Amino acid sequence: MDYVLDFVCLEKKLVVEIDGGRHLENERDKVRDQHLQQAGFCVLRFWNNQVMQETEAVLVVILAALQEGEA
């Protein structure tokens, strides 16, 4: 499986995707996310406007995903 990802941390198996409107209800994205999840990756998706307007909240979600399982 070959994919172009916005951001990926291989060590933590975390994928972060930043999406615009063309990704709304995109079936290819759903299939790709399923493949990545089956390979053990956590996939986080955010809308462009979330990243720009709610940056701190987005970062909190990403940090929590990175810290998951470090106890």
Protein backbone atom coordinates (compact mmCIF):
# COMPACT_ATOMS: atom_id res chain seq x y z
CA MET A 1 0.00 0.00 0.00
CA ASP A 2 1.46 3.32 -1.10
CA TYR A 3 -0.10 6.52 0.18
CA VAL A 4 0.86 10.17 0.32
CA LEU A 5 0.19 11.34 3.87
CA ASP A 6 0.14 14.88 5.21
CA PHE A 7 2.02 13.99 8.39
CA VAL A 8 3.15 10.67 9.82
CA CYS A 9 5.10 9.54 12.87
CA LEU A 10 6.26 6.02 12.09
CA GLU A 11 7.60 5.47 15.61
CA LYS A 12 4.16 6.12 17.14
CA LYS A 13 2.21 4.84 14.10
CA LEU A 14 0.25 8.10 13.94
CA VAL A 15 -1.08 9.70 10.76
CA VAL A 16 -2.43 13.26 10.72
CA GLU A 17 -4.44 14.38 7.73
CA ILE A 18 -5.45 18.00 7.13
CA ASP A 19 -8.43 18.11 4.78
CA GLY A 20 -10.19 20.66 2.62
CA GLY A 21 -13.76 20.51 1.38
CA ARG A 22 -13.08 18.01 -1.39
CA HIS A 23 -12.53 15.37 1.27
CA LEU A 24 -16.11 15.65 2.53
CA GLU A 25 -17.66 12.17 2.36
CA ASN A 26 -14.73 10.94 0.25
CA GLU A 27 -15.02 7.15 -0.07
CA ARG A 28 -11.34 6.78 -1.08
CA ASP A 29 -10.30 8.45 2.19
CA LYS A 30 -12.43 5.99 4.17
CA VAL A 31 -10.86 3.00 2.41
CA ARG A 32 -7.36 4.41 2.89
CA ASP A 33 -8.02 5.05 6.59
CA GLN A 34 -9.23 1.47 6.99
CA HIS A 35 -6.05 0.12 5.35
CA LEU A 36 -3.87 2.28 7.58
CA GLN A 37 -5.78 1.26 10.71
CA GLN A 38 -5.49 -2.42 9.77
CA ALA A 39 -1.72 -1.83 9.52
CA GLY A 40 -1.77 -0.53 13.12
CA PHE A 41 -1.86 3.23 12.48
CA CYS A 42 -4.04 5.73 14.30
CA VAL A 43 -5.46 8.19 11.76
CA LEU A 44 -6.49 11.67 12.86
CA ARG A 45 -8.33 13.93 10.41
CA PHE A 46 -8.81 17.65 10.84
CA TRP A 47 -10.39 20.24 8.57
CA ASN A 48 -8.21 23.08 7.30
CA ASN A 49 -10.30 25.63 9.17
CA GLN A 50 -9.93 23.66 12.43
CA VAL A 51 -6.16 23.81 12.15
CA MET A 52 -6.21 27.53 11.40
CA GLN A 53 -8.90 28.60 13.91
CA GLU A 54 -8.61 25.99 16.68
CA THR A 55 -4.90 25.28 16.54
CA GLU A 56 -4.44 24.64 20.25
CA ALA A 57 -7.35 22.17 20.40
CA VAL A 58 -5.95 20.29 17.39
CA LEU A 59 -2.52 20.13 19.02
CA VAL A 60 -4.04 18.77 22.25
CA VAL A 61 -5.67 15.91 20.30
CA ILE A 62 -2.41 15.13 18.48
CA LEU A 63 -0.39 15.21 21.72
CA ALA A 64 -2.88 12.89 23.42
CA ALA A 65 -2.60 10.43 20.54
CA LEU A 66 1.20 10.54 20.73
CA GLN A 67 1.18 9.95 24.48
CA GLU A 68 -1.34 7.12 24.36
CA GLY A 69 0.21 3.92 25.54
CA GLU A 70 3.25 5.53 27.20
CA ALA A 71 2.16 4.79 30.75
